[in-house]
Amino acid sequence: MRLNEVTYTDALPIDGYGPGFFRIGSEAIEGPLAVLPDGVTPWGGMEDIATLLGLAGKVDVLLIGTGAEVAHIPNALRKPLEDAGLGVDAMASPQACRTFNVLLGEGRRVAVALMPV
């Protein structure tokens, strides 16, 4: 068996999560956030389209973690993102964290916006 060390780009992997927080780069960050190719930023939730629209052309896929359970993304958020050319995939936040780390480890251009669990 051959093992390869995972090398991340400038984006940071998500180390963990818990009630109301995410751990990124050994720092606990409370509330909704977005992990972008150039760092971590607060996210205003499903009404905050501007933060995510800036990713057009910078990422191939945008994961949206909807909290503890999977939920539909409001059309008012999904449509502008898809119109801007962003592939959007919604899932529960724990799955979004894991998927983000896998895609990041594969060298994919990915970002994630997360609602806390």
Protein backbone atom coordinates (compact mmCIF):
# COMPACT_ATOMS: atom_id res chain seq x y z
CA MET A 1 0.00 0.00 0.00
CA ARG A 2 1.32 3.40 -0.95
CA LEU A 3 0.43 6.37 1.26
CA ASN A 4 0.60 9.94 0.06
CA GLU A 5 0.58 12.96 2.31
CA VAL A 6 -2.30 15.30 1.55
CA THR A 7 -1.09 18.76 0.59
CA TYR A 8 -3.60 21.59 0.75
CA THR A 9 -3.44 24.77 -1.33
CA ASP A 10 -3.85 28.16 0.36
CA ALA A 11 -7.29 27.13 1.64
CA LEU A 12 -7.41 25.55 5.08
CA PRO A 13 -9.07 22.20 5.82
CA ILE A 14 -11.82 22.02 8.42
CA ASP A 15 -10.43 20.29 11.51
CA GLY A 16 -13.75 19.80 13.29
CA TYR A 17 -17.11 21.25 14.30
CA GLY A 18 -19.48 21.28 17.24
CA PRO A 19 -22.57 23.06 18.51
CA GLY A 20 -22.32 26.57 17.05
CA PHE A 21 -18.66 26.48 15.95
CA PHE A 22 -16.17 25.16 13.41
CA ARG A 23 -12.46 24.47 14.03
CA ILE A 24 -10.22 25.64 11.22
CA GLY A 25 -6.44 25.92 11.53
CA SER A 26 -6.69 24.98 15.22
CA GLU A 27 -8.94 28.01 15.86
CA ALA A 28 -12.59 27.70 16.92
CA ILE A 29 -14.79 30.09 14.94
CA GLU A 30 -18.39 30.63 16.00
CA GLY A 31 -21.36 31.17 13.76
CA PRO A 32 -21.92 30.81 10.02
CA LEU A 33 -18.76 31.08 7.93
CA ALA A 34 -17.34 30.58 4.48
CA VAL A 35 -14.06 28.81 3.78
CA LEU A 36 -12.78 30.36 0.59
CA PRO A 37 -9.63 29.80 -1.47
CA ASP A 38 -8.03 32.84 0.17
CA GLY A 39 -9.16 32.30 3.76
CA VAL A 40 -12.07 32.12 6.17
CA THR A 41 -14.71 34.84 6.43
CA PRO A 42 -17.98 35.27 8.33
CA TRP A 43 -21.05 34.45 6.28
CA GLY A 44 -24.44 36.08 6.83
CA GLY A 45 -26.36 32.89 6.08
CA MET A 46 -28.74 32.13 3.25
CA GLU A 47 -29.46 35.84 2.66
CA ASP A 48 -25.76 36.69 2.16
CA ILE A 49 -25.39 36.26 -1.59
CA ALA A 50 -22.62 38.85 -2.09
CA THR A 51 -19.97 36.88 -0.18
CA LEU A 52 -20.55 33.85 -2.39
CA LEU A 53 -21.03 35.63 -5.74
CA GLY A 54 -17.42 36.81 -5.47
CA LEU A 55 -16.35 33.19 -5.99
CA ALA A 56 -17.47 33.12 -9.64
CA GLY A 57 -14.52 32.03 -11.75
CA LYS A 58 -12.44 31.20 -8.68
CA VAL A 59 -14.01 27.85 -7.73
CA ASP A 60 -15.63 25.01 -9.64
CA VAL A 61 -17.95 23.88 -6.88
CA LEU A 62 -19.53 25.62 -3.91
CA LEU A 63 -20.74 23.43 -1.07
CA ILE A 64 -23.39 24.85 1.22
CA GLY A 65 -23.79 23.27 4.64
CA THR A 66 -27.35 23.79 5.81
CA GLY A 67 -26.81 22.95 9.50
CA ALA A 68 -27.46 19.70 11.33
CA GLU A 69 -29.90 18.47 8.68
CA VAL A 70 -29.94 18.79 4.92
CA ALA A 71 -32.33 21.49 3.70
CA HIS A 72 -33.16 23.12 0.40
CA ILE A 73 -31.27 26.27 -0.51
CA PRO A 74 -33.67 29.16 -1.11
CA ASN A 75 -34.10 29.87 -4.80
CA ALA A 76 -33.16 33.51 -4.09
CA LEU A 77 -29.67 32.20 -3.23
CA ARG A 78 -29.32 29.27 -5.62
CA LYS A 79 -30.39 31.01 -8.83
CA PRO A 80 -27.94 33.96 -8.70
CA LEU A 81 -25.07 31.59 -7.84
CA GLU A 82 -25.90 29.21 -10.69
CA ASP A 83 -26.41 32.14 -13.08
CA ALA A 84 -22.88 33.28 -12.15
CA GLY A 85 -21.56 29.87 -13.20
CA LEU A 86 -21.06 28.38 -9.75
CA GLY A 87 -21.90 24.72 -9.24
CA VAL A 88 -23.85 24.63 -5.97
CA ASP A 89 -24.37 21.53 -3.86
CA ALA A 90 -26.33 21.60 -0.58
CA MET A 91 -25.87 19.08 2.22
CA ALA A 92 -25.86 18.96 6.00
CA SER A 93 -22.90 20.85 7.45
CA PRO A 94 -21.07 17.74 8.78
CA GLN A 95 -21.13 16.18 5.30
CA ALA A 96 -20.16 19.51 3.71
CA CYS A 97 -17.09 19.70 5.98
CA ARG A 98 -15.96 16.19 5.04
CA THR A 99 -16.65 16.67 1.33
CA PHE A 100 -14.80 19.99 1.34
CA ASN A 101 -11.72 18.38 2.90
CA VAL A 102 -11.73 15.51 0.38
CA LEU A 103 -12.08 17.84 -2.61
CA LEU A 104 -9.47 20.20 -1.21
CA GLY A 105 -7.10 17.26 -0.76
CA GLU A 106 -7.64 16.34 -4.41
CA GLY A 107 -6.53 19.83 -5.41
CA ARG A 108 -10.00 20.85 -6.60
CA ARG A 109 -11.12 24.48 -6.70
CA VAL A 110 -13.72 24.33 -3.94
CA ALA A 111 -15.31 26.58 -1.33
CA VAL A 112 -17.83 25.91 1.41
CA ALA A 113 -20.38 28.09 3.20
CA LEU A 114 -21.51 26.61 6.49
CA MET A 115 -24.39 27.06 8.90
CA PRO A 116 -23.51 25.76 12.37
CA VAL A 117 -24.90 22.49 13.69
